[in-house]
């Protein structure tokens, strides 16, 4: 399904921001370069954006810019993350990740007590899948293995993880965005999750710890 776009003119009118603000936020990396899409129009070449993503991002920036600097916001929205370490106890106490999800990760990976940002990200993705009820505990191992083996190849890029099932057999796939994927008729996309959106939300939750 093709992503809906919004023109720059309509974006500025809907959100009440100025041309200068928009491009300042772009220079500060609050809005990704790839969201500025050049397309031909009656008036010549115009700039468009992925509608839902840009409206959501602008709303977040407007709500947060009074409490944080643009540099702080850029760090929050950036897919690049520092190698934070958070304890098992702190993750549970602050409800960053549900305890049963952390326990699944510990059983799958190792009984460690400090977790890096990427490990917390993997658990957060798994939490979304399991709360939706889309996959089984056994299939969750496939999701974790796929993230551990492949996510670093996509780090810093806009990507999503899909879980596809065919004749009862499930497989997890990481893809860069935008993408076009085609499967056989018997295959079904059970669920897909934006990894970058998960990162943004996770950063906001973790930021409260520091």
N, C-alpha and C. Protein backbone atom coordinates (compact mmCIF):
# COMPACT_ATOMS: atom_id res chain seq x y z
N UNK A 1 0.84 -1.19 0.00
CA UNK A 1 0.00 0.00 0.00
C UNK A 1 0.88 1.25 0.00
N UNK A 2 0.63 2.16 -0.94
CA UNK A 2 1.46 3.35 -1.09
C UNK A 2 1.24 4.32 0.06
N UNK A 3 2.35 4.86 0.55
CA UNK A 3 2.29 5.79 1.67
C UNK A 3 1.69 7.12 1.23
N UNK A 4 0.76 7.67 2.03
CA UNK A 4 0.14 8.95 1.71
C UNK A 4 1.13 10.07 1.95
N UNK A 5 1.11 11.06 1.03
CA UNK A 5 2.03 12.18 1.12
C UNK A 5 1.28 13.47 1.42
N UNK A 6 2.01 14.44 1.95
CA UNK A 6 1.45 15.76 2.19
C UNK A 6 2.43 16.78 1.61
N UNK A 7 1.92 17.81 0.94
CA UNK A 7 2.79 18.81 0.35
C UNK A 7 3.35 19.72 1.43
N UNK A 8 4.46 20.38 1.11
CA UNK A 8 5.07 21.30 2.07
C UNK A 8 4.10 22.43 2.42
N UNK A 9 3.41 22.96 1.43
CA UNK A 9 2.46 24.05 1.67
C UNK A 9 1.36 23.61 2.64
N UNK A 10 0.78 22.43 2.40
CA UNK A 10 -0.28 21.94 3.27
C UNK A 10 0.24 21.67 4.68
N UNK A 11 1.47 21.14 4.77
CA UNK A 11 2.07 20.87 6.07
C UNK A 11 2.20 22.15 6.89
N UNK A 12 2.71 23.20 6.27
CA UNK A 12 2.89 24.47 6.98
C UNK A 12 1.55 25.05 7.42
N UNK A 13 0.54 24.93 6.56
CA UNK A 13 -0.78 25.45 6.90
C UNK A 13 -1.43 24.66 8.04
N UNK A 14 -1.31 23.33 7.99
CA UNK A 14 -1.95 22.48 9.00
C UNK A 14 -1.30 22.62 10.37
N UNK A 15 0.02 22.75 10.40
CA UNK A 15 0.74 22.73 11.67
C UNK A 15 1.02 24.12 12.23
N UNK A 16 0.94 25.14 11.38
CA UNK A 16 1.20 26.49 11.84
C UNK A 16 2.67 26.81 12.02
N UNK A 17 3.56 25.97 11.52
CA UNK A 17 4.99 26.26 11.60
C UNK A 17 5.42 27.04 10.36
N UNK A 18 6.58 27.66 10.44
CA UNK A 18 7.07 28.46 9.32
C UNK A 18 8.03 27.65 8.45
N UNK A 19 8.28 28.18 7.27
CA UNK A 19 9.27 27.59 6.36
C UNK A 19 10.63 27.52 7.06
N UNK A 20 10.98 28.61 7.77
CA UNK A 20 12.26 28.66 8.46
C UNK A 20 12.39 27.61 9.54
N UNK A 21 11.31 27.41 10.32
CA UNK A 21 11.34 26.38 11.37
C UNK A 21 11.55 24.99 10.76
N UNK A 22 10.80 24.73 9.70
CA UNK A 22 10.88 23.41 9.06
C UNK A 22 12.31 23.09 8.65
N UNK A 23 12.97 24.05 7.99
CA UNK A 23 14.31 23.77 7.49
C UNK A 23 15.38 23.88 8.57
N UNK A 24 15.08 24.62 9.63
CA UNK A 24 15.99 24.62 10.77
C UNK A 24 15.95 23.25 11.43
N UNK A 25 14.77 22.68 11.59
CA UNK A 25 14.64 21.35 12.18
C UNK A 25 15.31 20.29 11.30
N UNK A 26 15.25 20.52 10.01
CA UNK A 26 15.94 19.60 9.10
C UNK A 26 17.45 19.67 9.31
N UNK A 27 17.99 20.91 9.40
CA UNK A 27 19.44 21.08 9.60
C UNK A 27 19.89 20.48 10.91
N UNK A 28 19.01 20.52 11.92
CA UNK A 28 19.33 19.97 13.23
C UNK A 28 19.09 18.46 13.31
N UNK A 29 18.67 17.87 12.18
CA UNK A 29 18.41 16.43 12.09
C UNK A 29 17.23 15.97 12.93
N UNK A 30 16.29 16.88 13.17
CA UNK A 30 15.06 16.49 13.85
C UNK A 30 14.09 15.84 12.87
N UNK A 31 14.25 16.19 11.58
CA UNK A 31 13.44 15.61 10.52
C UNK A 31 14.40 14.97 9.51
N UNK A 32 14.27 13.69 9.24
CA UNK A 32 15.21 13.00 8.35
C UNK A 32 15.20 13.56 6.93
N UNK A 33 16.37 13.58 6.35
CA UNK A 33 16.54 14.06 4.97
C UNK A 33 15.65 13.31 4.00
N UNK A 34 15.51 11.97 4.23
CA UNK A 34 14.75 11.16 3.27
C UNK A 34 13.25 11.44 3.30
N UNK A 35 12.78 12.18 4.32
CA UNK A 35 11.37 12.56 4.35
C UNK A 35 11.05 13.71 3.41
N UNK A 36 12.06 14.43 2.93
CA UNK A 36 11.87 15.52 1.98
C UNK A 36 11.89 14.92 0.57
N UNK A 37 10.71 14.70 0.03
CA UNK A 37 10.56 13.98 -1.24
C UNK A 37 10.24 14.97 -2.37
N UNK A 38 11.10 15.03 -3.35
CA UNK A 38 10.89 15.93 -4.49
C UNK A 38 10.05 15.23 -5.55
N UNK A 39 8.96 15.88 -5.96
CA UNK A 39 8.09 15.31 -6.99
C UNK A 39 7.67 16.41 -7.97
N UNK A 40 7.41 16.00 -9.20
CA UNK A 40 6.94 16.96 -10.20
C UNK A 40 5.48 17.31 -9.96
N UNK A 41 5.14 18.57 -10.13
CA UNK A 41 3.77 19.04 -9.98
C UNK A 41 3.49 20.09 -11.06
N UNK A 42 2.23 20.58 -11.12
CA UNK A 42 1.86 21.55 -12.13
C UNK A 42 2.72 22.81 -12.06
N UNK A 43 3.11 23.17 -10.85
CA UNK A 43 3.89 24.39 -10.65
C UNK A 43 5.40 24.14 -10.74
N UNK A 44 5.79 22.94 -11.11
CA UNK A 44 7.19 22.58 -11.15
C UNK A 44 7.50 21.53 -10.10
N UNK A 45 8.72 21.48 -9.65
CA UNK A 45 9.09 20.49 -8.63
C UNK A 45 8.68 20.99 -7.25
N UNK A 46 7.98 20.13 -6.51
CA UNK A 46 7.54 20.49 -5.16
C UNK A 46 8.04 19.45 -4.16
N UNK A 47 8.03 19.85 -2.90
CA UNK A 47 8.48 18.97 -1.82
C UNK A 47 7.27 18.36 -1.11
N UNK A 48 7.33 17.06 -0.92
CA UNK A 48 6.28 16.33 -0.21
C UNK A 48 6.91 15.55 0.94
N UNK A 49 6.06 15.11 1.87
CA UNK A 49 6.51 14.35 3.03
C UNK A 49 5.57 13.17 3.26
N UNK A 50 6.07 12.10 3.90
CA UNK A 50 5.15 11.03 4.34
C UNK A 50 4.20 11.61 5.39
N UNK A 51 2.92 11.65 5.05
CA UNK A 51 1.94 12.43 5.81
C UNK A 51 1.91 12.10 7.31
N UNK A 52 1.66 10.85 7.65
CA UNK A 52 1.50 10.48 9.06
C UNK A 52 2.78 10.72 9.85
N UNK A 53 3.91 10.37 9.26
CA UNK A 53 5.19 10.49 9.97
C UNK A 53 5.54 11.95 10.24
N UNK A 54 5.40 12.82 9.23
CA UNK A 54 5.79 14.21 9.42
C UNK A 54 4.85 14.93 10.37
N UNK A 55 3.54 14.65 10.29
CA UNK A 55 2.60 15.30 11.20
C UNK A 55 2.86 14.88 12.65
N UNK A 56 3.16 13.60 12.83
CA UNK A 56 3.46 13.09 14.17
C UNK A 56 4.75 13.71 14.69
N UNK A 57 5.78 13.80 13.83
CA UNK A 57 7.07 14.36 14.26
C UNK A 57 6.96 15.84 14.61
N UNK A 58 6.26 16.61 13.78
CA UNK A 58 6.10 18.04 14.04
C UNK A 58 5.36 18.25 15.36
N UNK A 59 4.33 17.47 15.60
CA UNK A 59 3.56 17.58 16.84
C UNK A 59 4.46 17.29 18.06
N UNK A 60 5.30 16.27 17.95
CA UNK A 60 6.20 15.93 19.05
C UNK A 60 7.21 17.06 19.29
N UNK A 61 7.76 17.61 18.23
CA UNK A 61 8.74 18.69 18.37
C UNK A 61 8.10 19.90 19.03
N UNK A 62 6.90 20.27 18.59
CA UNK A 62 6.20 21.42 19.16
C UNK A 62 5.91 21.22 20.65
N UNK A 63 5.56 20.00 21.02
CA UNK A 63 5.23 19.71 22.42
C UNK A 63 6.46 19.65 23.32
N UNK A 64 7.61 19.32 22.74
CA UNK A 64 8.80 19.08 23.56
C UNK A 64 9.83 20.21 23.52
N UNK A 65 9.74 21.11 22.53
CA UNK A 65 10.82 22.08 22.32
C UNK A 65 10.96 23.10 23.45
N UNK A 66 9.92 23.30 24.26
CA UNK A 66 10.02 24.23 25.38
C UNK A 66 10.76 23.63 26.56
N UNK A 67 10.83 22.30 26.60
CA UNK A 67 11.47 21.61 27.73
C UNK A 67 12.83 21.02 27.37
N UNK A 68 13.18 21.03 26.09
CA UNK A 68 14.46 20.46 25.67
C UNK A 68 15.02 21.27 24.51
N UNK A 69 16.34 21.33 24.42
CA UNK A 69 16.97 22.04 23.31
C UNK A 69 16.81 21.25 22.02
N UNK A 70 17.03 21.93 20.90
CA UNK A 70 16.93 21.22 19.62
C UNK A 70 17.98 20.13 19.52
N UNK A 71 19.15 20.35 20.11
CA UNK A 71 20.19 19.32 20.10
C UNK A 71 19.76 18.10 20.90
N UNK A 72 19.08 18.35 22.04
CA UNK A 72 18.57 17.23 22.83
C UNK A 72 17.50 16.47 22.05
N UNK A 73 16.64 17.21 21.37
CA UNK A 73 15.60 16.56 20.58
C UNK A 73 16.20 15.75 19.44
N UNK A 74 17.26 16.29 18.83
CA UNK A 74 17.92 15.56 17.74
C UNK A 74 18.47 14.24 18.25
N UNK A 75 18.99 14.25 19.48
CA UNK A 75 19.50 13.01 20.06
C UNK A 75 18.38 12.01 20.31
N UNK A 76 17.23 12.52 20.75
CA UNK A 76 16.08 11.66 21.01
C UNK A 76 15.57 11.03 19.73
N UNK A 77 15.46 11.85 18.66
CA UNK A 77 14.86 11.37 17.42
C UNK A 77 15.85 10.61 16.54
N UNK A 78 17.13 10.78 16.78
CA UNK A 78 18.13 10.11 15.96
C UNK A 78 18.09 8.61 16.16
N UNK A 79 18.21 7.84 15.06
CA UNK A 79 18.29 6.38 15.21
C UNK A 79 19.62 5.94 15.80
N UNK A 80 20.62 6.85 15.82
CA UNK A 80 21.89 6.52 16.43
C UNK A 80 21.75 6.60 17.95
N UNK A 81 22.20 5.60 18.66
CA UNK A 81 22.03 5.59 20.11
C UNK A 81 23.35 5.33 20.81
N UNK A 82 23.48 5.89 21.99
CA UNK A 82 24.68 5.64 22.79
C UNK A 82 24.54 4.28 23.47
N UNK A 83 25.66 3.76 23.88
CA UNK A 83 25.66 2.42 24.47
C UNK A 83 25.36 2.50 25.96
N UNK A 84 24.11 2.80 26.29
CA UNK A 84 23.71 2.85 27.70
C UNK A 84 23.65 1.44 28.26
N UNK A 85 23.78 1.36 29.57
CA UNK A 85 23.64 0.08 30.26
C UNK A 85 22.63 0.26 31.39
N UNK A 86 21.60 -0.56 31.39
CA UNK A 86 20.56 -0.47 32.42
C UNK A 86 20.38 -1.84 33.05
N UNK A 87 20.23 -1.86 34.34
CA UNK A 87 20.12 -3.13 35.07
C UNK A 87 18.74 -3.75 34.91
N UNK A 88 18.72 -5.04 35.14
CA UNK A 88 17.46 -5.80 35.14
C UNK A 88 16.47 -5.18 36.12
N UNK A 89 16.96 -4.89 37.32
CA UNK A 89 16.09 -4.34 38.36
C UNK A 89 15.49 -3.01 37.95
N UNK A 90 16.31 -2.14 37.32
CA UNK A 90 15.83 -0.82 36.92
C UNK A 90 14.80 -0.92 35.80
N UNK A 91 15.02 -1.83 34.87
CA UNK A 91 14.06 -2.02 33.77
C UNK A 91 12.70 -2.44 34.32
N UNK A 92 12.73 -3.31 35.31
CA UNK A 92 11.48 -3.79 35.92
C UNK A 92 10.84 -2.70 36.78
N UNK A 93 11.67 -2.07 37.62
CA UNK A 93 11.16 -1.06 38.55
C UNK A 93 10.49 0.11 37.82
N UNK A 94 11.12 0.56 36.74
CA UNK A 94 10.60 1.72 36.00
C UNK A 94 9.65 1.31 34.87
N UNK A 95 9.37 0.02 34.79
CA UNK A 95 8.45 -0.51 33.79
C UNK A 95 8.85 -0.12 32.36
N UNK A 96 10.16 -0.12 32.12
CA UNK A 96 10.66 0.14 30.76
C UNK A 96 10.28 -1.05 29.87
N UNK A 97 10.48 -2.25 30.39
CA UNK A 97 10.10 -3.48 29.71
C UNK A 97 9.40 -4.37 30.74
N UNK A 98 8.35 -5.07 30.32
CA UNK A 98 7.65 -5.96 31.24
C UNK A 98 8.58 -7.10 31.70
N UNK A 99 8.44 -7.48 32.97
CA UNK A 99 9.33 -8.48 33.56
C UNK A 99 9.31 -9.80 32.79
N UNK A 100 8.12 -10.25 32.40
CA UNK A 100 8.07 -11.55 31.69
C UNK A 100 8.76 -11.50 30.33
N UNK A 101 8.80 -10.31 29.71
CA UNK A 101 9.50 -10.16 28.43
C UNK A 101 11.01 -10.22 28.66
N UNK A 102 11.49 -9.55 29.72
CA UNK A 102 12.92 -9.61 30.04
C UNK A 102 13.33 -11.05 30.35
N UNK A 103 12.47 -11.77 31.05
CA UNK A 103 12.78 -13.16 31.40
C UNK A 103 12.87 -14.04 30.15
N UNK A 104 12.01 -13.76 29.17
CA UNK A 104 12.10 -14.51 27.91
C UNK A 104 13.43 -14.23 27.24
N UNK A 105 13.85 -12.96 27.26
CA UNK A 105 15.14 -12.59 26.65
C UNK A 105 16.30 -13.24 27.39
N UNK A 106 16.22 -13.24 28.71
CA UNK A 106 17.29 -13.85 29.52
C UNK A 106 17.40 -15.34 29.24
N UNK A 107 16.27 -16.01 29.10
CA UNK A 107 16.29 -17.44 28.80
C UNK A 107 16.87 -17.71 27.41
N UNK A 108 16.55 -16.80 26.47
CA UNK A 108 17.00 -16.98 25.09
C UNK A 108 18.49 -16.67 24.95
N UNK A 109 18.92 -15.60 25.60
CA UNK A 109 20.26 -15.08 25.38
C UNK A 109 21.23 -15.51 26.48
N UNK A 110 21.12 -14.88 27.62
CA UNK A 110 21.95 -15.26 28.76
C UNK A 110 21.43 -14.54 30.00
N UNK A 111 21.74 -15.08 31.15
CA UNK A 111 21.27 -14.50 32.41
C UNK A 111 22.19 -13.35 32.80
N UNK A 112 22.07 -12.23 32.10
CA UNK A 112 22.91 -11.08 32.42
C UNK A 112 22.08 -10.05 33.19
N UNK A 113 22.77 -9.13 33.84
CA UNK A 113 22.08 -8.16 34.69
C UNK A 113 22.12 -6.74 34.15
N UNK A 114 23.00 -6.47 33.17
CA UNK A 114 23.07 -5.14 32.55
C UNK A 114 22.80 -5.26 31.06
N UNK A 115 21.96 -4.35 30.54
CA UNK A 115 21.55 -4.45 29.15
C UNK A 115 21.89 -3.18 28.38
N UNK A 116 22.42 -3.35 27.16
CA UNK A 116 22.72 -2.23 26.28
C UNK A 116 21.42 -1.71 25.67
N UNK A 117 21.50 -0.56 25.01
CA UNK A 117 20.31 0.00 24.38
C UNK A 117 19.74 -0.97 23.34
N UNK A 118 20.62 -1.57 22.53
CA UNK A 118 20.12 -2.47 21.50
C UNK A 118 19.40 -3.67 22.09
N UNK A 119 19.92 -4.19 23.18
CA UNK A 119 19.25 -5.33 23.83
C UNK A 119 17.87 -4.92 24.36
N UNK A 120 17.79 -3.71 24.91
CA UNK A 120 16.50 -3.22 25.40
C UNK A 120 15.56 -2.99 24.22
N UNK A 121 16.12 -2.53 23.11
CA UNK A 121 15.32 -2.34 21.88
C UNK A 121 14.74 -3.67 21.41
N UNK A 122 15.55 -4.73 21.40
CA UNK A 122 15.07 -6.04 20.97
C UNK A 122 13.93 -6.50 21.86
N UNK A 123 14.07 -6.28 23.16
CA UNK A 123 13.01 -6.68 24.09
C UNK A 123 11.74 -5.84 23.87
N UNK A 124 11.93 -4.57 23.55
CA UNK A 124 10.79 -3.69 23.31
C UNK A 124 10.02 -4.13 22.06
N UNK A 125 10.75 -4.50 21.01
CA UNK A 125 10.11 -5.01 19.79
C UNK A 125 9.35 -6.30 20.10
N UNK A 126 10.00 -7.19 20.85
CA UNK A 126 9.37 -8.46 21.22
C UNK A 126 8.10 -8.21 22.04
N UNK A 127 8.16 -7.24 22.94
CA UNK A 127 7.01 -6.90 23.77
C UNK A 127 5.81 -6.50 22.91
N UNK A 128 6.08 -5.71 21.87
CA UNK A 128 5.00 -5.29 20.97
C UNK A 128 4.36 -6.49 20.28
N UNK A 129 5.19 -7.41 19.80
CA UNK A 129 4.67 -8.60 19.12
C UNK A 129 3.81 -9.44 20.06
N UNK A 130 4.33 -9.68 21.25
CA UNK A 130 3.64 -10.58 22.17
C UNK A 130 2.38 -9.95 22.77
N UNK A 131 2.40 -8.65 23.02
CA UNK A 131 1.21 -7.99 23.55
C UNK A 131 0.09 -7.99 22.51
N UNK A 132 0.48 -7.93 21.25
CA UNK A 132 -0.52 -7.99 20.17
C UNK A 132 -1.11 -9.39 20.05
N UNK A 133 -0.40 -10.38 20.57
CA UNK A 133 -0.87 -11.77 20.48
C UNK A 133 -0.68 -12.36 19.09
N UNK A 134 0.24 -11.75 18.33
CA UNK A 134 0.42 -12.18 16.94
C UNK A 134 1.33 -13.39 16.80
N UNK A 135 2.23 -13.57 17.76
CA UNK A 135 3.18 -14.68 17.67
C UNK A 135 3.21 -15.44 18.99
N UNK A 136 3.72 -16.65 18.93
CA UNK A 136 3.84 -17.49 20.13
C UNK A 136 5.18 -17.23 20.81
N UNK A 137 5.32 -17.75 22.03
CA UNK A 137 6.59 -17.64 22.75
C UNK A 137 7.71 -18.29 21.94
N UNK A 138 7.40 -19.44 21.35
CA UNK A 138 8.40 -20.14 20.55
C UNK A 138 8.82 -19.31 19.34
N UNK A 139 7.85 -18.67 18.69
CA UNK A 139 8.17 -17.84 17.53
C UNK A 139 8.94 -16.58 17.92
N UNK A 140 8.81 -16.17 19.19
CA UNK A 140 9.53 -14.98 19.64
C UNK A 140 11.05 -15.19 19.54
N UNK A 141 11.48 -16.43 19.63
CA UNK A 141 12.91 -16.72 19.50
C UNK A 141 13.40 -16.38 18.09
N UNK A 142 12.52 -16.59 17.11
CA UNK A 142 12.85 -16.24 15.73
C UNK A 142 13.05 -14.73 15.59
N UNK A 143 12.17 -13.96 16.24
CA UNK A 143 12.27 -12.50 16.20
C UNK A 143 13.58 -12.04 16.83
N UNK A 144 13.90 -12.58 18.02
CA UNK A 144 15.12 -12.19 18.70
C UNK A 144 16.36 -12.57 17.90
N UNK A 145 16.36 -13.75 17.33
CA UNK A 145 17.51 -14.20 16.55
C UNK A 145 17.72 -13.31 15.33
N UNK A 146 16.63 -12.95 14.68
CA UNK A 146 16.71 -12.08 13.50
C UNK A 146 17.26 -10.71 13.86
N UNK A 147 16.80 -10.15 14.98
CA UNK A 147 17.31 -8.85 15.42
C UNK A 147 18.78 -8.93 15.79
N UNK A 148 19.16 -9.94 16.55
CA UNK A 148 20.55 -10.06 16.97
C UNK A 148 21.49 -10.27 15.78
N UNK A 149 21.06 -11.04 14.80
CA UNK A 149 21.92 -11.38 13.67
C UNK A 149 21.99 -10.27 12.62
N UNK A 150 20.93 -9.45 12.53
CA UNK A 150 20.84 -8.56 11.36
C UNK A 150 20.65 -7.08 11.65
N UNK A 151 20.20 -6.70 12.87
CA UNK A 151 19.85 -5.29 13.07
C UNK A 151 21.02 -4.34 12.85
N UNK A 152 22.23 -4.73 13.26
CA UNK A 152 23.39 -3.83 13.14
C UNK A 152 23.66 -3.43 11.69
N UNK A 153 23.21 -4.24 10.74
CA UNK A 153 23.39 -3.89 9.32
C UNK A 153 22.48 -2.72 8.93
N UNK A 154 21.42 -2.51 9.72
CA UNK A 154 20.43 -1.47 9.39
C UNK A 154 20.48 -0.29 10.36
N UNK A 155 21.32 -0.38 11.40
CA UNK A 155 21.37 0.67 12.42
C UNK A 155 21.65 2.02 11.77
N UNK A 156 20.86 3.04 12.16
CA UNK A 156 21.01 4.37 11.58
C UNK A 156 20.15 4.58 10.35
N UNK A 157 19.49 3.53 9.88
CA UNK A 157 18.61 3.64 8.72
C UNK A 157 17.17 3.39 9.16
N UNK A 158 16.23 3.93 8.39
CA UNK A 158 14.81 3.71 8.67
C UNK A 158 14.47 2.28 8.28
N UNK A 159 14.03 1.48 9.23
CA UNK A 159 13.75 0.07 8.92
C UNK A 159 12.59 -0.44 9.76
N UNK A 160 12.08 -1.58 9.38
CA UNK A 160 10.99 -2.21 10.11
C UNK A 160 11.20 -3.72 10.13
N UNK A 161 10.56 -4.37 11.07
CA UNK A 161 10.64 -5.83 11.15
C UNK A 161 9.26 -6.41 10.89
N UNK A 162 9.21 -7.41 10.03
CA UNK A 162 7.96 -8.08 9.67
C UNK A 162 8.01 -9.52 10.19
N UNK A 163 6.84 -10.01 10.57
CA UNK A 163 6.72 -11.42 10.88
C UNK A 163 5.74 -12.02 9.88
N UNK A 164 6.22 -12.98 9.10
CA UNK A 164 5.44 -13.59 8.03
C UNK A 164 5.21 -15.06 8.36
N UNK A 165 4.00 -15.53 8.09
CA UNK A 165 3.70 -16.93 8.36
C UNK A 165 3.13 -17.59 7.10
N UNK A 166 3.62 -18.81 6.83
CA UNK A 166 3.12 -19.58 5.70
C UNK A 166 2.92 -21.02 6.16
N UNK A 167 1.68 -21.50 6.05
CA UNK A 167 1.34 -22.87 6.40
C UNK A 167 1.83 -23.21 7.82
N UNK A 168 1.62 -22.26 8.73
CA UNK A 168 1.96 -22.49 10.13
C UNK A 168 3.40 -22.24 10.51
N UNK A 169 4.23 -21.92 9.53
CA UNK A 169 5.65 -21.67 9.81
C UNK A 169 5.91 -20.17 9.73
N UNK A 170 6.49 -19.60 10.79
CA UNK A 170 6.73 -18.17 10.85
C UNK A 170 8.18 -17.81 10.64
N UNK A 171 8.40 -16.62 10.11
CA UNK A 171 9.76 -16.12 9.91
C UNK A 171 9.75 -14.61 10.09
N UNK A 172 10.80 -14.08 10.72
CA UNK A 172 10.94 -12.64 10.90
C UNK A 172 11.92 -12.08 9.87
N UNK A 173 11.61 -10.89 9.36
CA UNK A 173 12.41 -10.26 8.31
C UNK A 173 12.61 -8.79 8.66
N UNK A 174 13.84 -8.28 8.52
CA UNK A 174 14.11 -6.84 8.68
C UNK A 174 14.28 -6.23 7.29
N UNK A 175 13.60 -5.10 7.06
CA UNK A 175 13.66 -4.43 5.77
C UNK A 175 13.88 -2.94 5.96
N UNK A 176 14.63 -2.33 5.02
CA UNK A 176 14.75 -0.88 5.05
C UNK A 176 13.46 -0.27 4.51
N UNK A 177 13.17 0.97 4.90
CA UNK A 177 11.95 1.68 4.50
C UNK A 177 12.36 2.89 3.66
N UNK A 178 11.66 3.17 2.53
CA UNK A 178 10.48 2.45 2.02
C UNK A 178 10.88 1.16 1.32
N UNK A 179 9.92 0.25 1.21
CA UNK A 179 10.19 -1.01 0.54
C UNK A 179 8.92 -1.53 -0.13
N UNK A 180 9.11 -2.45 -1.04
CA UNK A 180 7.99 -3.16 -1.67
C UNK A 180 8.31 -4.64 -1.53
N UNK A 181 7.42 -5.35 -0.86
CA UNK A 181 7.64 -6.78 -0.61
C UNK A 181 6.47 -7.58 -1.16
N UNK A 182 6.79 -8.66 -1.83
CA UNK A 182 5.75 -9.51 -2.40
C UNK A 182 5.95 -10.94 -1.91
N UNK A 183 4.85 -11.57 -1.53
CA UNK A 183 4.91 -12.95 -1.04
C UNK A 183 3.91 -13.81 -1.83
N UNK A 184 4.12 -15.11 -1.72
CA UNK A 184 3.15 -16.04 -2.32
C UNK A 184 1.80 -15.87 -1.64
N UNK A 185 0.74 -16.28 -2.32
CA UNK A 185 -0.61 -16.10 -1.79
C UNK A 185 -0.81 -16.77 -0.44
N UNK A 186 -0.11 -17.89 -0.21
CA UNK A 186 -0.28 -18.61 1.04
C UNK A 186 0.47 -17.95 2.20
N UNK A 187 1.31 -16.96 1.88
CA UNK A 187 2.06 -16.27 2.92
C UNK A 187 1.28 -15.07 3.43
N UNK A 188 1.39 -14.80 4.71
CA UNK A 188 0.64 -13.69 5.32
C UNK A 188 1.55 -12.89 6.25
N UNK A 189 1.52 -11.56 6.09
CA UNK A 189 2.24 -10.70 7.02
C UNK A 189 1.41 -10.61 8.29
N UNK A 190 1.88 -11.24 9.35
CA UNK A 190 1.15 -11.29 10.61
C UNK A 190 1.19 -9.93 11.31
N UNK A 191 2.36 -9.30 11.29
CA UNK A 191 2.52 -8.01 11.96
C UNK A 191 3.82 -7.37 11.50
N UNK A 192 3.85 -6.03 11.46
CA UNK A 192 5.11 -5.35 11.20
C UNK A 192 5.26 -4.17 12.15
N UNK A 193 6.49 -3.90 12.53
CA UNK A 193 6.79 -2.88 13.52
C UNK A 193 7.89 -1.98 12.99
N UNK A 194 7.70 -0.67 13.10
CA UNK A 194 8.74 0.28 12.75
C UNK A 194 9.78 0.29 13.85
N UNK A 195 11.02 -0.07 13.51
CA UNK A 195 12.07 -0.09 14.52
C UNK A 195 12.44 1.33 14.93
N UNK A 196 12.43 2.27 13.98
CA UNK A 196 12.79 3.65 14.32
C UNK A 196 11.77 4.29 15.26
N UNK A 197 10.49 4.02 15.05
CA UNK A 197 9.47 4.55 15.96
C UNK A 197 9.62 3.93 17.35
N UNK A 198 9.99 2.66 17.38
CA UNK A 198 10.22 1.98 18.67
C UNK A 198 11.41 2.62 19.38
N UNK A 199 12.45 2.96 18.63
CA UNK A 199 13.63 3.61 19.20
C UNK A 199 13.26 4.95 19.82
N UNK A 200 12.47 5.74 19.09
CA UNK A 200 12.07 7.07 19.58
C UNK A 200 11.34 6.95 20.92
N UNK A 201 10.36 6.07 20.97
CA UNK A 201 9.56 5.91 22.20
C UNK A 201 10.41 5.37 23.34
N UNK A 202 11.32 4.45 23.01
CA UNK A 202 12.18 3.87 24.04
C UNK A 202 13.13 4.91 24.60
N UNK A 203 13.68 5.76 23.75
CA UNK A 203 14.58 6.82 24.21
C UNK A 203 13.88 7.75 25.19
N UNK A 204 12.66 8.09 24.87
CA UNK A 204 11.90 8.99 25.75
C UNK A 204 11.68 8.36 27.13
N UNK A 205 11.43 7.06 27.15
CA UNK A 205 11.21 6.36 28.43
C UNK A 205 12.52 6.25 29.21
N UNK A 206 13.60 5.97 28.51
CA UNK A 206 14.90 5.81 29.17
C UNK A 206 15.43 7.16 29.65
N UNK A 207 15.16 8.22 28.88
CA UNK A 207 15.65 9.56 29.23
C UNK A 207 15.20 9.96 30.64
N UNK A 208 14.05 9.47 31.06
CA UNK A 208 13.52 9.80 32.39
C UNK A 208 14.38 9.21 33.52
N UNK A 209 15.22 8.23 33.18
CA UNK A 209 16.05 7.60 34.20
C UNK A 209 17.28 8.43 34.54
N UNK A 210 17.64 9.38 33.65
CA UNK A 210 18.92 10.09 33.81
C UNK A 210 18.70 11.56 34.10
